[in-house]
PDB file of N, CA and C in Angstrom:
ATOM      1  N   MET A   1       0.824  -1.320   0.107  1.00  0.00           N
ATOM      2  CA  MET A   1      -0.023   0.121  -0.043  1.00  0.00           C
ATOM      3  C   MET A   1       0.745   1.521   0.313  1.00  0.00           C
ATOM      4  N   LEU A   2       0.751   2.004  -0.995  1.00  0.00           N
ATOM      5  CA  LEU A   2       1.488   3.449  -1.072  1.00  0.00           C
ATOM      6  C   LEU A   2       0.752   4.386  -0.168  1.00  0.00           C
ATOM      7  N   GLU A   3       1.524   4.817   0.634  1.00  0.00           N
ATOM      8  CA  GLU A   3       1.322   6.219   1.305  1.00  0.00           C
ATOM      9  C   GLU A   3       2.002   7.423   0.988  1.00  0.00           C
ATOM     10  N   VAL A   4       1.213   8.312   0.656  1.00  0.00           N
ATOM     11  CA  VAL A   4       1.886   9.621   0.352  1.00  0.00           C
ATOM     12  C   VAL A   4       1.940  10.641   1.496  1.00  0.00           C
ATOM     13  N   ILE A   5       3.300  10.967   1.601  1.00  0.00           N
ATOM     14  CA  ILE A   5       3.477  11.859   2.866  1.00  0.00           C
ATOM     15  C   ILE A   5       3.765  13.196   2.804  1.00  0.00           C
ATOM     16  N   GLY A   6       4.871  13.613   1.694  1.00  0.00           N
ATOM     17  CA  GLY A   6       5.406  14.914   1.475  1.00  0.00           C
ATOM     18  C   GLY A   6       5.489  15.977   2.768  1.00  0.00           C
ATOM     19  N   GLU A   7       6.194  15.631   3.427  1.00  0.00           N
ATOM     20  CA  GLU A   7       6.609  16.235   4.717  1.00  0.00           C
ATOM     21  C   GLU A   7       8.502  16.425   4.791  1.00  0.00           C
ATOM     22  N   PRO A   8       8.560  17.734   5.507  1.00  0.00           N
ATOM     23  CA  PRO A   8      10.104  17.817   5.242  1.00  0.00           C
ATOM     24  C   PRO A   8      10.409  17.001   6.591  1.00  0.00           C
ATOM     25  N   ILE A   9      11.965  16.616   6.575  1.00  0.00           N
ATOM     26  CA  ILE A   9      12.512  15.657   7.336  1.00  0.00           C
ATOM     27  C   ILE A   9      13.864  16.199   7.510  1.00  0.00           C
ATOM     28  N   ARG A  10      14.484  15.848   8.483  1.00  0.00           N
ATOM     29  CA  ARG A  10      16.014  15.757   8.694  1.00  0.00           C
ATOM     30  C   ARG A  10      16.852  14.725   8.276  1.00  0.00           C
ATOM     31  N   VAL A  11      17.735  14.840   7.437  1.00  0.00           N
ATOM     32  CA  VAL A  11      18.666  13.828   6.920  1.00  0.00           C
ATOM     33  C   VAL A  11      20.239  13.932   7.209  1.00  0.00           C
ATOM     34  N   CYS A  12      20.574  12.864   7.498  1.00  0.00           N
ATOM     35  CA  CYS A  12      22.202  13.090   7.393  1.00  0.00           C
ATOM     36  C   CYS A  12      22.926  12.615   5.906  1.00  0.00           C
ATOM     37  N   ALA A  13      23.358  12.803   5.317  1.00  0.00           N
ATOM     38  CA  ALA A  13      23.691  12.339   3.902  1.00  0.00           C
ATOM     39  C   ALA A  13      25.464  12.663   3.683  1.00  0.00           C
ATOM     40  N   VAL A  14      25.765  11.745   2.934  1.00  0.00           N
ATOM     41  CA  VAL A  14      27.224  11.942   2.259  1.00  0.00           C
ATOM     42  C   VAL A  14      27.200  12.221   1.024  1.00  0.00           C
ATOM     43  N   PHE A  15      28.275  13.209   0.621  1.00  0.00           N
ATOM     44  CA  PHE A  15      28.380  13.874  -0.570  1.00  0.00           C
ATOM     45  C   PHE A  15      29.797  13.231  -0.961  1.00  0.00           C
ATOM     46  N   ARG A  16      29.945  12.350  -1.944  1.00  0.00           N
ATOM     47  CA  ARG A  16      31.034  11.825  -2.381  1.00  0.00           C
ATOM     48  C   ARG A  16      31.105  11.525  -4.014  1.00  0.00           C
ATOM     49  N   ARG A  17      32.007  12.294  -4.567  1.00  0.00           N
ATOM     50  CA  ARG A  17      32.517  11.873  -5.872  1.00  0.00           C
ATOM     51  C   ARG A  17      31.316  12.673  -6.837  1.00  0.00           C
ATOM     52  N   GLY A  18      30.616  13.747  -6.175  1.00  0.00           N
ATOM     53  CA  GLY A  18      29.727  14.533  -6.836  1.00  0.00           C
ATOM     54  C   GLY A  18      28.506  13.947  -6.831  1.00  0.00           C
ATOM     55  N   ARG A  19      28.090  12.970  -5.845  1.00  0.00           N
ATOM     56  CA  ARG A  19      27.115  12.076  -5.669  1.00  0.00           C
ATOM     57  C   ARG A  19      26.451  12.174  -4.341  1.00  0.00           C
ATOM     58  N   VAL A  20      25.170  12.410  -4.003  1.00  0.00           N
ATOM     59  CA  VAL A  20      24.618  12.547  -2.603  1.00  0.00           C
ATOM     60  C   VAL A  20      24.060  11.010  -2.251  1.00  0.00           C
ATOM     61  N   SER A  21      24.161  10.775  -1.025  1.00  0.00           N
ATOM     62  CA  SER A  21      23.652   9.474  -0.605  1.00  0.00           C
ATOM     63  C   SER A  21      23.213   9.596   0.926  1.00  0.00           C
ATOM     64  N   PRO A  22      21.833   9.494   1.168  1.00  0.00           N
ATOM     65  CA  PRO A  22      21.140   9.732   2.538  1.00  0.00           C
ATOM     66  C   PRO A  22      21.704   8.328   3.572  1.00  0.00           C
ATOM     67  N   LEU A  23      22.269   8.950   4.796  1.00  0.00           N
ATOM     68  CA  LEU A  23      22.478   7.846   5.697  1.00  0.00           C
ATOM     69  C   LEU A  23      21.437   7.327   6.798  1.00  0.00           C
ATOM     70  N   TRP A  24      20.918   8.575   7.058  1.00  0.00           N
ATOM     71  CA  TRP A  24      19.759   8.151   8.069  1.00  0.00           C
ATOM     72  C   TRP A  24      18.650   9.370   8.050  1.00  0.00           C
ATOM     73  N   PHE A  25      17.707   9.342   8.344  1.00  0.00           N
ATOM     74  CA  PHE A  25      16.635  10.292   8.183  1.00  0.00           C
ATOM     75  C   PHE A  25      15.676  10.491   9.719  1.00  0.00           C
ATOM     76  N   GLU A  26      15.343  11.532  10.017  1.00  0.00           N
ATOM     77  CA  GLU A  26      14.273  11.742  11.133  1.00  0.00           C
ATOM     78  C   GLU A  26      13.137  12.244  10.728  1.00  0.00           C
ATOM     79  N   TRP A  27      11.945  11.407  11.112  1.00  0.00           N
ATOM     80  CA  TRP A  27      10.671  11.770  11.017  1.00  0.00           C
ATOM     81  C   TRP A  27       9.829  11.618  12.049  1.00  0.00           C
ATOM     82  N   LYS A  28       9.036  12.748  12.564  1.00  0.00           N
ATOM     83  CA  LYS A  28       8.304  12.718  13.660  1.00  0.00           C
ATOM     84  C   LYS A  28       9.176  12.136  15.073  1.00  0.00           C
ATOM     85  N   GLY A  29      10.190  12.622  15.321  1.00  0.00           N
ATOM     86  CA  GLY A  29      10.993  12.399  16.090  1.00  0.00           C
ATOM     87  C   GLY A  29      11.500  11.083  16.382  1.00  0.00           C
ATOM     88  N   ARG A  30      11.645  10.146  15.220  1.00  0.00           N
ATOM     89  CA  ARG A  30      11.947   8.839  15.283  1.00  0.00           C
ATOM     90  C   ARG A  30      12.958   8.732  14.183  1.00  0.00           C
ATOM     91  N   TYR A  31      14.468   7.938  14.380  1.00  0.00           N
ATOM     92  CA  TYR A  31      15.439   7.988  13.368  1.00  0.00           C
ATOM     93  C   TYR A  31      15.139   6.873  12.893  1.00  0.00           C
ATOM     94  N   TYR A  32      15.594   6.895  11.417  1.00  0.00           N
ATOM     95  CA  TYR A  32      15.489   5.691  10.593  1.00  0.00           C
ATOM     96  C   TYR A  32      16.797   5.759   9.768  1.00  0.00           C
ATOM     97  N   ARG A  33      17.744   4.697  10.106  1.00  0.00           N
ATOM     98  CA  ARG A  33      19.123   4.272   9.454  1.00  0.00           C
ATOM     99  C   ARG A  33      18.638   3.545   8.138  1.00  0.00           C
ATOM    100  N   VAL A  34      19.348   4.235   7.110  1.00  0.00           N
ATOM    101  CA  VAL A  34      19.182   3.630   5.882  1.00  0.00           C
ATOM    102  C   VAL A  34      20.181   2.439   5.684  1.00  0.00           C
ATOM    103  N   GLU A  35      19.496   1.274   5.281  1.00  0.00           N
ATOM    104  CA  GLU A  35      20.178   0.027   5.089  1.00  0.00           C
ATOM    105  C   GLU A  35      20.519  -0.180   3.655  1.00  0.00           C
ATOM    106  N   GLU A  36      19.974   0.380   2.587  1.00  0.00           N
ATOM    107  CA  GLU A  36      20.146   0.045   1.226  1.00  0.00           C
ATOM    108  C   GLU A  36      19.359   1.086   0.593  1.00  0.00           C
ATOM    109  N   ILE A  37      20.135   1.836  -0.548  1.00  0.00           N
ATOM    110  CA  ILE A  37      19.551   2.594  -1.524  1.00  0.00           C
ATOM    111  C   ILE A  37      19.339   1.583  -2.616  1.00  0.00           C
ATOM    112  N   ARG A  38      17.867   1.616  -2.886  1.00  0.00           N
ATOM    113  CA  ARG A  38      17.196   0.482  -4.024  1.00  0.00           C
ATOM    114  C   ARG A  38      17.214   1.153  -5.169  1.00  0.00           C
ATOM    115  N   ASN A  39      17.070   2.478  -5.303  1.00  0.00           N
ATOM    116  CA  ASN A  39      16.746   3.317  -6.503  1.00  0.00           C
ATOM    117  C   ASN A  39      17.129   4.680  -6.244  1.00  0.00           C
ATOM    118  N   ARG A  40      17.644   5.359  -7.283  1.00  0.00           N
ATOM    119  CA  ARG A  40      17.898   6.817  -7.368  1.00  0.00           C
ATOM    120  C   ARG A  40      17.588   7.216  -8.831  1.00  0.00           C
ATOM    121  N   TRP A  41      16.860   8.326  -8.761  1.00  0.00           N
ATOM    122  CA  TRP A  41      16.572   9.209  -9.929  1.00  0.00           C
ATOM    123  C   TRP A  41      16.475  10.692  -9.764  1.00  0.00           C
ATOM    124  N   VAL A  42      16.299  11.561 -10.938  1.00  0.00           N
ATOM    125  CA  VAL A  42      16.194  12.934 -10.761  1.00  0.00           C
ATOM    126  C   VAL A  42      14.993  13.669 -11.672  1.00  0.00           C
ATOM    127  N   THR A  43      14.311  14.288 -10.897  1.00  0.00           N
ATOM    128  CA  THR A  43      13.332  15.189 -11.665  1.00  0.00           C
ATOM    129  C   THR A  43      13.682  16.570 -11.724  1.00  0.00           C
ATOM    130  N   ASN A  44      13.040  17.136 -12.306  1.00  0.00           N
ATOM    131  CA  ASN A  44      13.240  18.791 -12.677  1.00  0.00           C
ATOM    132  C   ASN A  44      11.939  19.333 -11.941  1.00  0.00           C
ATOM    133  N   GLU A  45      12.370  20.374 -11.172  1.00  0.00           N
ATOM    134  CA  GLU A  45      11.289  20.992 -10.300  1.00  0.00           C
ATOM    135  C   GLU A  45      11.654  22.564 -10.598  1.00  0.00           C
ATOM    136  N   GLY A  46      10.666  23.154 -11.480  1.00  0.00           N
ATOM    137  CA  GLY A  46      10.802  24.697 -11.580  1.00  0.00           C
ATOM    138  C   GLY A  46      12.311  24.982 -12.048  1.00  0.00           C
ATOM    139  N   VAL A  47      13.068  25.687 -11.441  1.00  0.00           N
ATOM    140  CA  VAL A  47      14.618  25.869 -11.994  1.00  0.00           C
ATOM    141  C   VAL A  47      15.634  24.953 -11.287  1.00  0.00           C
ATOM    142  N   GLY A  48      14.882  24.154 -10.339  1.00  0.00           N
ATOM    143  CA  GLY A  48      15.780  23.221  -9.639  1.00  0.00           C
ATOM    144  C   GLY A  48      15.534  21.643 -10.134  1.00  0.00           C
ATOM    145  N   ARG A  49      16.311  20.744  -9.321  1.00  0.00           N
ATOM    146  CA  ARG A  49      15.986  19.365  -9.520  1.00  0.00           C
ATOM    147  C   ARG A  49      15.778  18.846  -7.991  1.00  0.00           C
ATOM    148  N   CYS A  50      15.467  17.709  -8.258  1.00  0.00           N
ATOM    149  CA  CYS A  50      15.124  16.860  -6.836  1.00  0.00           C
ATOM    150  C   CYS A  50      15.882  15.836  -7.117  1.00  0.00           C
ATOM    151  N   TYR A  51      16.683  15.127  -5.954  1.00  0.00           N
ATOM    152  CA  TYR A  51      17.306  14.201  -6.189  1.00  0.00           C
ATOM    153  C   TYR A  51      16.685  13.053  -5.342  1.00  0.00           C
ATOM    154  N   HIS A  52      15.806  11.818  -5.918  1.00  0.00           N
ATOM    155  CA  HIS A  52      14.933  10.993  -5.122  1.00  0.00           C
ATOM    156  C   HIS A  52      15.768   9.756  -4.896  1.00  0.00           C
ATOM    157  N   PHE A  53      15.352   9.306  -3.713  1.00  0.00           N
ATOM    158  CA  PHE A  53      15.973   7.922  -3.248  1.00  0.00           C
ATOM    159  C   PHE A  53      14.961   6.967  -2.701  1.00  0.00           C
ATOM    160  N   ALA A  54      15.045   5.607  -3.015  1.00  0.00           N
ATOM    161  CA  ALA A  54      14.050   4.606  -2.816  1.00  0.00           C
ATOM    162  C   ALA A  54      14.874   3.881  -1.832  1.00  0.00           C
ATOM    163  N   VAL A  55      14.566   3.786  -0.370  1.00  0.00           N
ATOM    164  CA  VAL A  55      15.435   3.255   0.511  1.00  0.00           C
ATOM    165  C   VAL A  55      14.846   2.284   1.504  1.00  0.00           C
ATOM    166  N   THR A  56      15.429   1.210   1.804  1.00  0.00           N
ATOM    167  CA  THR A  56      15.157   0.618   2.979  1.00  0.00           C
ATOM    168  C   THR A  56      15.746   1.042   4.173  1.00  0.00           C
ATOM    169  N   VAL A  57      15.013   0.621   5.346  1.00  0.00           N
ATOM    170  CA  VAL A  57      15.720   1.082   6.679  1.00  0.00           C
ATOM    171  C   VAL A  57      15.776  -0.066   7.560  1.00  0.00           C
ATOM    172  N   GLU A  58      16.538  -0.028   8.807  1.00  0.00           N
ATOM    173  CA  GLU A  58      16.673  -1.174   9.540  1.00  0.00           C
ATOM    174  C   GLU A  58      15.307  -1.545  10.039  1.00  0.00           C
ATOM    175  N   GLU A  59      15.081  -2.764  10.502  1.00  0.00           N
ATOM    176  CA  GLU A  59      14.178  -3.218  11.234  1.00  0.00           C
ATOM    177  C   GLU A  59      12.431  -2.876  10.348  1.00  0.00           C
ATOM    178  N   ARG A  60      12.532  -2.610   9.321  1.00  0.00           N
ATOM    179  CA  ARG A  60      11.403  -2.484   8.692  1.00  0.00           C
ATOM    180  C   ARG A  60      11.243  -2.958   7.065  1.00  0.00           C
ATOM    181  N   ALA A  61      10.262  -3.612   6.900  1.00  0.00           N
ATOM    182  CA  ALA A  61      10.219  -4.313   5.243  1.00  0.00           C
ATOM    183  C   ALA A  61       9.792  -2.975   4.573  1.00  0.00           C
ATOM    184  N   ASP A  62       9.365  -1.874   4.844  1.00  0.00           N
ATOM    185  CA  ASP A  62       8.618  -0.948   4.055  1.00  0.00           C
ATOM    186  C   ASP A  62       9.973  -0.118   3.255  1.00  0.00           C
ATOM    187  N   LEU A  63       9.527   0.358   2.173  1.00  0.00           N
ATOM    188  CA  LEU A  63      10.510   1.136   1.174  1.00  0.00           C
ATOM    189  C   LEU A  63       9.776   2.987   1.370  1.00  0.00           C
ATOM    190  N   TYR A  64      10.923   3.546   1.658  1.00  0.00           N
ATOM    191  CA  TYR A  64      10.807   4.840   1.651  1.00  0.00           C
ATOM    192  C   TYR A  64      11.428   5.556   0.609  1.00  0.00           C
ATOM    193  N   GLU A  65      10.546   6.885   0.223  1.00  0.00           N
ATOM    194  CA  GLU A  65      11.075   7.660  -0.677  1.00  0.00           C
ATOM    195  C   GLU A  65      11.467   8.920  -0.245  1.00  0.00           C
ATOM    196  N   VAL A  66      12.899   9.442  -0.103  1.00  0.00           N
ATOM    197  CA  VAL A  66      13.151  10.583   0.469  1.00  0.00           C
ATOM    198  C   VAL A  66      13.598  11.597  -0.808  1.00  0.00           C
ATOM    199  N   PHE A  67      13.550  12.689  -0.741  1.00  0.00           N
ATOM    200  CA  PHE A  67      14.214  13.457  -1.752  1.00  0.00           C
ATOM    201  C   PHE A  67      14.719  14.589  -1.257  1.00  0.00           C
ATOM    202  N   LEU A  68      15.638  15.198  -1.977  1.00  0.00           N
ATOM    203  CA  LEU A  68      16.425  16.601  -1.859  1.00  0.00           C
ATOM    204  C   LEU A  68      15.807  17.636  -2.906  1.00  0.00           C
ATOM    205  N   ARG A  69      15.364  18.593  -2.482  1.00  0.00           N
ATOM    206  CA  ARG A  69      15.521  19.623  -3.670  1.00  0.00           C
ATOM    207  C   ARG A  69      16.544  20.505  -3.629  1.00  0.00           C
ATOM    208  N   SER A  70      16.958  20.633  -4.520  1.00  0.00           N
ATOM    209  CA  SER A  70      18.196  21.357  -5.104  1.00  0.00           C
ATOM    210  C   SER A  70      18.222  22.924  -5.002  1.00  0.00           C
ATOM    211  N   GLU A  71      16.972  23.586  -5.045  1.00  0.00           N
ATOM    212  CA  GLU A  71      16.720  25.001  -4.761  1.00  0.00           C
ATOM    213  C   GLU A  71      16.783  25.219  -3.443  1.00  0.00           C
ATOM    214  N   THR A  72      16.096  24.467  -2.194  1.00  0.00           N
ATOM    215  CA  THR A  72      16.141  24.894  -0.830  1.00  0.00           C
ATOM    216  C   THR A  72      17.308  23.989  -0.162  1.00  0.00           C
ATOM    217  N   MET A  73      17.925  22.801  -0.674  1.00  0.00           N
ATOM    218  CA  MET A  73      18.816  21.971  -0.355  1.00  0.00           C
ATOM    219  C   MET A  73      17.847  21.408   0.926  1.00  0.00           C
ATOM    220  N   GLY A  74      16.581  21.187   1.096  1.00  0.00           N
ATOM    221  CA  GLY A  74      15.622  20.508   1.789  1.00  0.00           C
ATOM    222  C   GLY A  74      15.196  19.378   1.673  1.00  0.00           C
ATOM    223  N   TRP A  75      15.028  18.648   2.570  1.00  0.00           N
ATOM    224  CA  TRP A  75      14.333  17.262   2.203  1.00  0.00           C
ATOM    225  C   TRP A  75      13.321  16.686   2.659  1.00  0.00           C
ATOM    226  N   HIS A  76      12.991  15.631   1.957  1.00  0.00           N
ATOM    227  CA  HIS A  76      11.302  15.412   2.449  1.00  0.00           C
ATOM    228  C   HIS A  76      11.343  14.019   2.041  1.00  0.00           C
ATOM    229  N   LEU A  77      10.354  13.466   2.964  1.00  0.00           N
ATOM    230  CA  LEU A  77       9.726  12.307   2.629  1.00  0.00           C
ATOM    231  C   LEU A  77       8.567  12.285   1.675  1.00  0.00           C
ATOM    232  N   GLY A  78       8.551  11.722   0.792  1.00  0.00           N
ATOM    233  CA  GLY A  78       7.674  11.782  -0.341  1.00  0.00           C
ATOM    234  C   GLY A  78       6.542  10.733  -0.208  1.00  0.00           C
ATOM    235  N   ARG A  79       7.054   9.337   0.120  1.00  0.00           N
ATOM    236  CA  ARG A  79       6.026   8.351   0.007  1.00  0.00           C
ATOM    237  C   ARG A  79       6.463   7.156   0.798  1.00  0.00           C
ATOM    238  N   ILE A  80       5.746   6.193   1.376  1.00  0.00           N
ATOM    239  CA  ILE A  80       6.149   5.211   1.792  1.00  0.00           C
ATOM    240  C   ILE A  80       5.090   3.902   1.278  1.00  0.00           C
ATOM    241  N   ASP A  81       6.084   3.039   1.010  1.00  0.00           N
ATOM    242  CA  ASP A  81       5.495   1.816   0.361  1.00  0.00           C
ATOM    243  C   ASP A  81       5.240   0.556   1.544  1.00  0.00           C
ATOM    244  N   VAL A  82       4.125   0.579   2.030  1.00  0.00           N
ATOM    245  CA  VAL A  82       4.194  -0.305   3.353  1.00  0.00           C
ATOM    246  C   VAL A  82       4.422  -1.818   2.989  1.00  0.00           C
ATOM    247  N   ASN A  83       5.109  -2.527   3.489  1.00  0.00           N
ATOM    248  CA  ASN A  83       5.956  -3.599   3.023  1.00  0.00           C
ATOM    249  C   ASN A  83       6.157  -4.037   1.581  1.00  0.00           C
ATOM    250  N   GLY A  84       6.618  -2.725   1.227  1.00  0.00           N
ATOM    251  CA  GLY A  84       7.444  -2.406  -0.094  1.00  0.00           C
ATOM    252  C   GLY A  84       8.265  -3.557  -0.810  1.00  0.00           C
TER     253      GLY A  84
END
């Protein structure tokens, strides 16, 4: 079941060799450690870009979509695929 969230989140990420990768994120006071990045893609949004990541987290079977808006450098939780 796909649940649309669209909320800002706090993210710890690494920037290496021109590529960004999220390590963990905080949503509603809870920390989620990224176990695996299953997919990454880029979309255009106005004059900026959004860098999307489909990630799994420790101890959960769900798939989370987190994304970074280049214009604001703000991270968001886009969707959760429950039991993804």
